[in-house]
Amino acid sequence: MTDTLDLRPRDRWHLALHNLLSRTGADGLKPVAVRRDGDAFVLSTTGHELRVPSALLWRSYRRGWDARMTRLAAEFGLDGTFAIAPGELVIDIGANVGDFALLAVQSGARVLCIDGDPTVVACLQRNVAPHAGVTTECAILWKEACALTFYSAPGRADSSIFLPPGDGVAAFTAQATTLDSVAAAHGLGPIALLKMDAEGAEPEVLEGATEVLSRTRHVAIDTGPERNGEETGEACAAILRAAGFTLLPPPATKRRMTLATRAD
């Protein structure tokens, strides 16, 4: 089912080859089906479906849904590093299409998903709609309220305030806000986990989250080289230490992570 996927011939071939190899069970590969649904796509793998803005995102699910969830849990501390009780609140910054939120809600957590790309948020809202404990917010987060240029690259999950490399990027100007302002608008109380993947804007998001950090127990941030090729781990670590957090050893994953918790 690739005739309406807008994939280049090479990408079509990769998907077809993947599904052929998945029949052998080689390297834990699982079949992935992709179909167009209006202005988006639906991925199907191992009994799960996910609405996505680009057919290319099938590559994140090569080994099936459970493998993807296991990887996210290891990266963001839901593998036992952090204990999240039913009913506690998780803030998911850079929620993308909601796969982390769907993982967090399995534990009974309430989740506020925030993403700045309207194209992505449209898919996110559809994916989390069956879960009453998940709320979505389309917002560009920064250290202050101001107008910023935002670069939309939903096909690569790279939408950011910082221009991502490669093609398929559309720029637009929008009003940014702070995490403190969003939290106040939602009337948020204590936060069990602040998860963030802000594509390079992590330090500025933290600078605009003084009140949120004061009532947050755990933090898990993707601080990889997405800020014009630079990592943000040191800057984020300094802000978190100043806010009273203790840095934890990073997980043994490919993603560059900064994890922190409160000793109290």
C-alpha atoms as a PDB file:
ATOM      1  CA  MET A   1       0.000   0.000   0.000  1.00  0.00           C
ATOM      2  CA  THR A   2       2.585   2.586  -1.079  1.00  0.00           C
ATOM      3  CA  ASP A   3       0.979   4.203  -4.117  1.00  0.00           C
ATOM      4  CA  THR A   4      -0.259   7.270  -2.192  1.00  0.00           C
ATOM      5  CA  LEU A   5       2.528   7.626   0.379  1.00  0.00           C
ATOM      6  CA  ASP A   6       4.540  10.403  -1.313  1.00  0.00           C
ATOM      7  CA  LEU A   7       7.717   8.402  -0.749  1.00  0.00           C
ATOM      8  CA  ARG A   8      10.745   8.657  -2.992  1.00  0.00           C
ATOM      9  CA  PRO A   9      11.573   5.440  -4.881  1.00  0.00           C
ATOM     10  CA  ARG A  10      14.460   4.711  -2.517  1.00  0.00           C
ATOM     11  CA  ASP A  11      12.215   5.074   0.535  1.00  0.00           C
ATOM     12  CA  ARG A  12       9.530   2.890  -1.026  1.00  0.00           C
ATOM     13  CA  TRP A  13      12.187   0.246  -1.618  1.00  0.00           C
ATOM     14  CA  HIS A  14      13.387   0.454   2.002  1.00  0.00           C
ATOM     15  CA  LEU A  15       9.854  -0.057   3.317  1.00  0.00           C
ATOM     16  CA  ALA A  16       9.229  -2.986   0.980  1.00  0.00           C
ATOM     17  CA  LEU A  17      12.565  -4.576   1.879  1.00  0.00           C
ATOM     18  CA  HIS A  18      11.896  -4.103   5.584  1.00  0.00           C
ATOM     19  CA  ASN A  19       8.564  -5.892   5.347  1.00  0.00           C
ATOM     20  CA  LEU A  20      10.145  -8.700   3.352  1.00  0.00           C
ATOM     21  CA  LEU A  21      12.883  -9.170   5.961  1.00  0.00           C
ATOM     22  CA  SER A  22      10.373  -8.947   8.812  1.00  0.00           C
ATOM     23  CA  ARG A  23       8.841 -12.200   7.596  1.00  0.00           C
ATOM     24  CA  THR A  24      12.062 -13.948   8.607  1.00  0.00           C
ATOM     25  CA  GLY A  25      12.116 -12.377  12.074  1.00  0.00           C
ATOM     26  CA  ALA A  26      15.644 -11.174  11.395  1.00  0.00           C
ATOM     27  CA  ASP A  27      17.002  -8.701  13.973  1.00  0.00           C
ATOM     28  CA  GLY A  28      13.608  -8.485  15.657  1.00  0.00           C
ATOM     29  CA  LEU A  29      12.043  -6.701  12.682  1.00  0.00           C
ATOM     30  CA  LYS A  30       8.255  -6.437  12.609  1.00  0.00           C
ATOM     31  CA  PRO A  31       5.981  -5.674   9.649  1.00  0.00           C
ATOM     32  CA  VAL A  32       4.856  -2.065   9.278  1.00  0.00           C
ATOM     33  CA  ALA A  33       1.911  -1.006   7.115  1.00  0.00           C
ATOM     34  CA  VAL A  34       1.366   2.598   6.081  1.00  0.00           C
ATOM     35  CA  ARG A  35      -1.753   4.094   4.549  1.00  0.00           C
ATOM     36  CA  ARG A  36      -2.829   7.607   3.696  1.00  0.00           C
ATOM     37  CA  ASP A  37      -5.716   9.057   5.705  1.00  0.00           C
ATOM     38  CA  GLY A  38      -6.673  12.513   4.478  1.00  0.00           C
ATOM     39  CA  ASP A  39      -3.742  14.867   4.947  1.00  0.00           C
ATOM     40  CA  ALA A  40      -1.856  12.455   7.214  1.00  0.00           C
ATOM     41  CA  PHE A  41      -0.868   8.786   7.379  1.00  0.00           C
ATOM     42  CA  VAL A  42      -1.619   5.847   9.651  1.00  0.00           C
ATOM     43  CA  LEU A  43       1.122   3.441  10.705  1.00  0.00           C
ATOM     44  CA  SER A  44       0.084  -0.068  11.725  1.00  0.00           C
ATOM     45  CA  THR A  45       2.442  -2.476  13.469  1.00  0.00           C
ATOM     46  CA  THR A  46       2.031  -5.365  15.910  1.00  0.00           C
ATOM     47  CA  GLY A  47      -1.602  -4.553  16.626  1.00  0.00           C
ATOM     48  CA  HIS A  48      -1.187  -0.803  17.149  1.00  0.00           C
ATOM     49  CA  GLU A  49      -2.020   2.182  14.956  1.00  0.00           C
ATOM     50  CA  LEU A  50      -0.582   5.695  15.079  1.00  0.00           C
ATOM     51  CA  ARG A  51      -1.493   8.756  13.025  1.00  0.00           C
ATOM     52  CA  VAL A  52       1.615  10.558  11.714  1.00  0.00           C
ATOM     53  CA  PRO A  53       2.300  13.551   9.436  1.00  0.00           C
ATOM     54  CA  SER A  54       4.781  11.674   7.234  1.00  0.00           C
ATOM     55  CA  ALA A  55       5.036   8.104   5.971  1.00  0.00           C
ATOM     56  CA  LEU A  56       8.782   8.266   6.638  1.00  0.00           C
ATOM     57  CA  LEU A  57       8.153   7.933  10.378  1.00  0.00           C
ATOM     58  CA  TRP A  58       7.569   4.194   9.904  1.00  0.00           C
ATOM     59  CA  ARG A  59      11.312   3.833  10.516  1.00  0.00           C
ATOM     60  CA  SER A  60      10.862   4.478  14.246  1.00  0.00           C
ATOM     61  CA  TYR A  61       8.759   1.310  14.488  1.00  0.00           C
ATOM     62  CA  ARG A  62      10.974  -1.182  12.631  1.00  0.00           C
ATOM     63  CA  ARG A  63      10.908  -3.553  15.596  1.00  0.00           C
ATOM     64  CA  GLY A  64       7.268  -3.022  16.456  1.00  0.00           C
ATOM     65  CA  TRP A  65       5.318  -1.049  19.016  1.00  0.00           C
ATOM     66  CA  ASP A  66       6.605  -2.748  22.156  1.00  0.00           C
ATOM     67  CA  ALA A  67      10.237  -2.208  21.169  1.00  0.00           C
ATOM     68  CA  ARG A  68       9.533   1.474  20.564  1.00  0.00           C
ATOM     69  CA  MET A  69       7.878   1.805  23.984  1.00  0.00           C
ATOM     70  CA  THR A  70      10.765  -0.015  25.676  1.00  0.00           C
ATOM     71  CA  ARG A  71      13.246   2.347  24.059  1.00  0.00           C
ATOM     72  CA  LEU A  72      11.317   5.458  25.112  1.00  0.00           C
ATOM     73  CA  ALA A  73      10.989   4.119  28.658  1.00  0.00           C
ATOM     74  CA  ALA A  74      14.751   3.597  28.878  1.00  0.00           C
ATOM     75  CA  GLU A  75      15.525   7.040  27.466  1.00  0.00           C
ATOM     76  CA  PHE A  76      13.130   9.070  29.615  1.00  0.00           C
ATOM     77  CA  GLY A  77      13.278   7.194  32.914  1.00  0.00           C
ATOM     78  CA  LEU A  78      10.065   5.191  32.813  1.00  0.00           C
ATOM     79  CA  ASP A  79      12.044   1.950  33.018  1.00  0.00           C
ATOM     80  CA  GLY A  80      12.081   2.172  36.817  1.00  0.00           C
ATOM     81  CA  THR A  81      14.514   5.085  37.097  1.00  0.00           C
ATOM     82  CA  PHE A  82      11.586   7.322  38.062  1.00  0.00           C
ATOM     83  CA  ALA A  83       8.494   6.131  39.912  1.00  0.00           C
ATOM     84  CA  ILE A  84       5.271   7.691  38.612  1.00  0.00           C
ATOM     85  CA  ALA A  85       2.125   6.816  40.558  1.00  0.00           C
ATOM     86  CA  PRO A  86      -1.381   6.637  39.066  1.00  0.00           C
ATOM     87  CA  GLY A  87      -2.956  10.079  38.926  1.00  0.00           C
ATOM     88  CA  GLU A  88       0.344  11.953  39.027  1.00  0.00           C
ATOM     89  CA  LEU A  89       1.100  14.537  36.340  1.00  0.00           C
ATOM     90  CA  VAL A  90       3.602  14.233  33.497  1.00  0.00           C
ATOM     91  CA  ILE A  91       4.378  17.187  31.216  1.00  0.00           C
ATOM     92  CA  ASP A  92       5.457  16.057  27.748  1.00  0.00           C
ATOM     93  CA  ILE A  93       7.245  18.900  25.926  1.00  0.00           C
ATOM     94  CA  GLY A  94       7.891  18.123  22.289  1.00  0.00           C
ATOM     95  CA  ALA A  95       5.167  15.515  22.428  1.00  0.00           C
ATOM     96  CA  ASN A  96       5.233  15.012  18.661  1.00  0.00           C
ATOM     97  CA  VAL A  97       2.591  12.404  17.708  1.00  0.00           C
ATOM     98  CA  GLY A  98       2.150  11.225  21.300  1.00  0.00           C
ATOM     99  CA  ASP A  99       3.982   7.932  21.559  1.00  0.00           C
ATOM    100  CA  PHE A 100       5.658   8.917  24.856  1.00  0.00           C
ATOM    101  CA  ALA A 101       2.323  10.161  26.208  1.00  0.00           C
ATOM    102  CA  LEU A 102       0.739   6.829  25.324  1.00  0.00           C
ATOM    103  CA  LEU A 103       3.541   5.126  27.250  1.00  0.00           C
ATOM    104  CA  ALA A 104       3.119   7.369  30.307  1.00  0.00           C
ATOM    105  CA  VAL A 105      -0.648   6.998  30.436  1.00  0.00           C
ATOM    106  CA  GLN A 106      -0.226   3.219  30.712  1.00  0.00           C
ATOM    107  CA  SER A 107       0.917   3.756  34.316  1.00  0.00           C
ATOM    108  CA  GLY A 108      -2.213   5.756  35.085  1.00  0.00           C
ATOM    109  CA  ALA A 109      -0.439   9.105  34.889  1.00  0.00           C
ATOM    110  CA  ARG A 110      -2.152  12.256  33.688  1.00  0.00           C
ATOM    111  CA  VAL A 111      -0.268  13.842  30.789  1.00  0.00           C
ATOM    112  CA  LEU A 112      -0.138  17.376  29.397  1.00  0.00           C
ATOM    113  CA  CYS A 113       1.283  17.187  25.861  1.00  0.00           C
ATOM    114  CA  ILE A 114       2.831  20.346  24.393  1.00  0.00           C
ATOM    115  CA  ASP A 115       4.104  20.762  20.837  1.00  0.00           C
ATOM    116  CA  GLY A 116       4.620  23.819  18.680  1.00  0.00           C
ATOM    117  CA  ASP A 117       3.936  22.381  15.226  1.00  0.00           C
ATOM    118  CA  PRO A 118       0.234  22.554  14.277  1.00  0.00           C
ATOM    119  CA  THR A 119       0.640  19.781  11.690  1.00  0.00           C
ATOM    120  CA  VAL A 120       2.050  17.459  14.323  1.00  0.00           C
ATOM    121  CA  VAL A 121      -0.484  18.488  16.965  1.00  0.00           C
ATOM    122  CA  ALA A 122      -3.347  17.511  14.653  1.00  0.00           C
ATOM    123  CA  CYS A 123      -1.989  13.944  14.640  1.00  0.00           C
ATOM    124  CA  LEU A 124      -1.213  14.066  18.358  1.00  0.00           C
ATOM    125  CA  GLN A 125      -4.782  14.990  19.225  1.00  0.00           C
ATOM    126  CA  ARG A 126      -6.174  12.079  17.234  1.00  0.00           C
ATOM    127  CA  ASN A 127      -3.736   9.609  18.799  1.00  0.00           C
ATOM    128  CA  VAL A 128      -4.443  10.536  22.422  1.00  0.00           C
ATOM    129  CA  ALA A 129      -8.181  11.201  22.027  1.00  0.00           C
ATOM    130  CA  PRO A 130      -9.215   7.811  23.516  1.00  0.00           C
ATOM    131  CA  HIS A 131      -7.398   8.656  26.775  1.00  0.00           C
ATOM    132  CA  ALA A 132      -9.275  10.979  29.126  1.00  0.00           C
ATOM    133  CA  GLY A 133      -6.141  11.614  31.170  1.00  0.00           C
ATOM    134  CA  VAL A 134      -4.235  13.237  28.297  1.00  0.00           C
ATOM    135  CA  THR A 135      -4.526  16.946  27.438  1.00  0.00           C
ATOM    136  CA  THR A 136      -2.895  18.651  24.447  1.00  0.00           C
ATOM    137  CA  GLU A 137      -1.630  22.190  23.925  1.00  0.00           C
ATOM    138  CA  CYS A 138      -0.249  23.680  20.706  1.00  0.00           C
ATOM    139  CA  ALA A 139       2.374  26.125  21.981  1.00  0.00           C
ATOM    140  CA  ILE A 140       5.898  27.221  21.109  1.00  0.00           C
ATOM    141  CA  LEU A 141       7.836  27.388  24.377  1.00  0.00           C
ATOM    142  CA  TRP A 142      10.641  29.861  25.027  1.00  0.00           C
ATOM    143  CA  LYS A 143      12.169  31.830  27.916  1.00  0.00           C
ATOM    144  CA  GLU A 144       9.743  34.729  27.406  1.00  0.00           C
ATOM    145  CA  ALA A 145       6.628  35.672  25.502  1.00  0.00           C
ATOM    146  CA  CYS A 146       7.675  37.025  22.099  1.00  0.00           C
ATOM    147  CA  ALA A 147       7.317  36.521  18.354  1.00  0.00           C
ATOM    148  CA  LEU A 148       9.686  33.888  16.953  1.00  0.00           C
ATOM    149  CA  THR A 149      10.359  32.166  13.662  1.00  0.00           C
ATOM    150  CA  PHE A 150       9.468  28.487  13.920  1.00  0.00           C
ATOM    151  CA  TYR A 151      10.736  25.881  11.464  1.00  0.00           C
ATOM    152  CA  SER A 152       8.268  23.104  10.710  1.00  0.00           C
ATOM    153  CA  ALA A 153       9.813  19.773   9.689  1.00  0.00           C
ATOM    154  CA  PRO A 154       7.173  17.212  10.733  1.00  0.00           C
ATOM    155  CA  GLY A 155       8.363  14.607   8.252  1.00  0.00           C
ATOM    156  CA  ARG A 156      11.563  14.191  10.271  1.00  0.00           C
ATOM    157  CA  ALA A 157      10.181  15.024  13.730  1.00  0.00           C
ATOM    158  CA  ASP A 158      12.635  17.954  13.734  1.00  0.00           C
ATOM    159  CA  SER A 159      10.363  21.016  14.040  1.00  0.00           C
ATOM    160  CA  SER A 160      12.222  23.657  16.026  1.00  0.00           C
ATOM    161  CA  ILE A 161      13.002  27.280  16.757  1.00  0.00           C
ATOM    162  CA  PHE A 162      16.451  26.438  15.393  1.00  0.00           C
ATOM    163  CA  LEU A 163      16.684  25.734  11.666  1.00  0.00           C
ATOM    164  CA  PRO A 164      17.123  21.965  11.215  1.00  0.00           C
ATOM    165  CA  PRO A 165      19.398  20.695   8.428  1.00  0.00           C
ATOM    166  CA  GLY A 166      18.065  19.215   5.213  1.00  0.00           C
ATOM    167  CA  ASP A 167      15.041  19.896   3.072  1.00  0.00           C
ATOM    168  CA  GLY A 168      11.312  19.742   3.772  1.00  0.00           C
ATOM    169  CA  VAL A 169      11.379  22.706   6.185  1.00  0.00           C
ATOM    170  CA  ALA A 170       8.701  25.433   6.231  1.00  0.00           C
ATOM    171  CA  ALA A 171       9.179  28.600   8.300  1.00  0.00           C
ATOM    172  CA  PHE A 172       6.469  30.684   9.936  1.00  0.00           C
ATOM    173  CA  THR A 173       6.316  33.396  12.597  1.00  0.00           C
ATOM    174  CA  ALA A 174       4.280  32.749  15.727  1.00  0.00           C
ATOM    175  CA  GLN A 175       3.925  33.951  19.297  1.00  0.00           C
ATOM    176  CA  ALA A 176       5.985  31.985  21.792  1.00  0.00           C
ATOM    177  CA  THR A 177       5.132  31.625  25.464  1.00  0.00           C
ATOM    178  CA  THR A 178       6.696  30.185  28.607  1.00  0.00           C
ATOM    179  CA  LEU A 179       6.071  26.867  30.286  1.00  0.00           C
ATOM    180  CA  ASP A 180       5.157  28.763  33.463  1.00  0.00           C
ATOM    181  CA  SER A 181       2.403  30.573  31.538  1.00  0.00           C
ATOM    182  CA  VAL A 182       1.033  27.345  30.055  1.00  0.00           C
ATOM    183  CA  ALA A 183       1.091  25.652  33.456  1.00  0.00           C
ATOM    184  CA  ALA A 184      -0.734  28.583  35.049  1.00  0.00           C
ATOM    185  CA  ALA A 185      -3.389  28.534  32.326  1.00  0.00           C
ATOM    186  CA  HIS A 186      -4.007  24.841  33.011  1.00  0.00           C
ATOM    187  CA  GLY A 187      -3.941  25.293  36.789  1.00  0.00           C
ATOM    188  CA  LEU A 188      -1.239  22.660  37.221  1.00  0.00           C
ATOM    189  CA  GLY A 189      -0.141  21.492  40.653  1.00  0.00           C
ATOM    190  CA  PRO A 190       2.768  19.166  41.505  1.00  0.00           C
ATOM    191  CA  ILE A 191       4.515  17.562  38.527  1.00  0.00           C
ATOM    192  CA  ALA A 192       5.954  14.070  38.803  1.00  0.00           C
ATOM    193  CA  LEU A 193       7.955  14.180  35.573  1.00  0.00           C
ATOM    194  CA  LEU A 194       8.948  16.917  33.153  1.00  0.00           C
ATOM    195  CA  LYS A 195       9.895  15.233  29.867  1.00  0.00           C
ATOM    196  CA  MET A 196      11.386  17.426  27.164  1.00  0.00           C
ATOM    197  CA  ASP A 197      12.533  17.098  23.565  1.00  0.00           C
ATOM    198  CA  ALA A 198      12.625  20.720  22.375  1.00  0.00           C
ATOM    199  CA  GLU A 199      15.006  20.247  19.426  1.00  0.00           C
ATOM    200  CA  GLY A 200      17.730  22.517  20.813  1.00  0.00           C
ATOM    201  CA  ALA A 201      15.608  25.014  22.758  1.00  0.00           C
ATOM    202  CA  GLU A 202      15.836  23.122  26.055  1.00  0.00           C
ATOM    203  CA  PRO A 203      17.806  25.760  28.045  1.00  0.00           C
ATOM    204  CA  GLU A 204      15.397  28.547  27.096  1.00  0.00           C
ATOM    205  CA  VAL A 205      12.365  26.413  27.927  1.00  0.00           C
ATOM    206  CA  LEU A 206      13.855  25.771  31.379  1.00  0.00           C
ATOM    207  CA  GLU A 207      14.561  29.489  31.831  1.00  0.00           C
ATOM    208  CA  GLY A 208      10.864  30.118  31.320  1.00  0.00           C
ATOM    209  CA  ALA A 209       9.865  27.398  33.782  1.00  0.00           C
ATOM    210  CA  THR A 210      11.036  28.671  37.176  1.00  0.00           C
ATOM    211  CA  GLU A 211       7.703  28.028  38.888  1.00  0.00           C
ATOM    212  CA  VAL A 212       7.175  24.685  37.170  1.00  0.00           C
ATOM    213  CA  LEU A 213      10.624  23.443  38.189  1.00  0.00           C
ATOM    214  CA  SER A 214       9.975  24.402  41.820  1.00  0.00           C
ATOM    215  CA  ARG A 215       7.191  21.819  42.000  1.00  0.00           C
ATOM    216  CA  THR A 216       8.667  19.154  39.695  1.00  0.00           C
ATOM    217  CA  ARG A 217      10.120  15.911  41.102  1.00  0.00           C
ATOM    218  CA  HIS A 218      11.876  14.358  38.095  1.00  0.00           C
ATOM    219  CA  VAL A 219      13.234  15.717  34.806  1.00  0.00           C
ATOM    220  CA  ALA A 220      14.226  13.871  31.614  1.00  0.00           C
ATOM    221  CA  ILE A 221      15.532  15.974  28.712  1.00  0.00           C
ATOM    222  CA  ASP A 222      16.854  15.070  25.276  1.00  0.00           C
ATOM    223  CA  THR A 223      19.953  17.286  25.092  1.00  0.00           C
ATOM    224  CA  GLY A 224      21.414  15.953  21.853  1.00  0.00           C
ATOM    225  CA  PRO A 225      23.119  18.031  19.110  1.00  0.00           C
ATOM    226  CA  GLU A 226      19.992  19.689  17.706  1.00  0.00           C
ATOM    227  CA  ARG A 227      20.944  23.300  18.441  1.00  0.00           C
ATOM    228  CA  ASN A 228      22.815  24.050  15.229  1.00  0.00           C
ATOM    229  CA  GLY A 229      24.853  20.908  15.866  1.00  0.00           C
ATOM    230  CA  GLU A 230      25.547  21.681  19.533  1.00  0.00           C
ATOM    231  CA  GLU A 231      24.396  19.665  22.547  1.00  0.00           C
ATOM    232  CA  THR A 232      22.532  21.408  25.372  1.00  0.00           C
ATOM    233  CA  GLY A 233      23.375  19.084  28.262  1.00  0.00           C
ATOM    234  CA  GLU A 234      25.766  21.392  30.123  1.00  0.00           C
ATOM    235  CA  ALA A 235      23.454  24.399  29.939  1.00  0.00           C
ATOM    236  CA  CYS A 236      20.458  22.361  31.093  1.00  0.00           C
ATOM    237  CA  ALA A 237      22.444  20.729  33.891  1.00  0.00           C
ATOM    238  CA  ALA A 238      23.488  24.136  35.249  1.00  0.00           C
ATOM    239  CA  ILE A 239      19.889  25.375  35.306  1.00  0.00           C
ATOM    240  CA  LEU A 240      18.653  22.196  36.974  1.00  0.00           C
ATOM    241  CA  ARG A 241      21.355  22.280  39.669  1.00  0.00           C
ATOM    242  CA  ALA A 242      20.523  25.907  40.432  1.00  0.00           C
ATOM    243  CA  ALA A 243      16.873  24.875  40.784  1.00  0.00           C
ATOM    244  CA  GLY A 244      17.766  22.247  43.402  1.00  0.00           C
ATOM    245  CA  PHE A 245      17.957  19.094  41.303  1.00  0.00           C
ATOM    246  CA  THR A 246      20.523  16.312  41.499  1.00  0.00           C
ATOM    247  CA  LEU A 247      21.839  15.056  38.174  1.00  0.00           C
ATOM    248  CA  LEU A 248      21.622  11.312  37.546  1.00  0.00           C
ATOM    249  CA  PRO A 249      23.829   9.128  35.334  1.00  0.00           C
ATOM    250  CA  PRO A 250      22.535   9.194  31.747  1.00  0.00           C
ATOM    251  CA  PRO A 251      20.853   6.059  30.416  1.00  0.00           C
ATOM    252  CA  ALA A 252      22.822   3.656  28.246  1.00  0.00           C
ATOM    253  CA  THR A 253      20.982   4.649  25.072  1.00  0.00           C
ATOM    254  CA  LYS A 254      21.982   6.288  21.792  1.00  0.00           C
ATOM    255  CA  ARG A 255      19.995   9.413  22.613  1.00  0.00           C
ATOM    256  CA  ARG A 256      21.921  12.048  24.604  1.00  0.00           C
ATOM    257  CA  MET A 257      19.867  12.485  27.763  1.00  0.00           C
ATOM    258  CA  THR A 258      19.996  14.647  30.877  1.00  0.00           C
ATOM    259  CA  LEU A 259      18.135  13.150  33.855  1.00  0.00           C
ATOM    260  CA  ALA A 260      17.628  14.835  37.217  1.00  0.00           C
ATOM    261  CA  THR A 261      15.644  14.374  40.412  1.00  0.00           C
ATOM    262  CA  ARG A 262      15.016  16.144  43.689  1.00  0.00           C
ATOM    263  CA  ALA A 263      16.727  14.754  46.773  1.00  0.00           C
ATOM    264  CA  ASP A 264      13.835  16.026  48.902  1.00  0.00           C
END
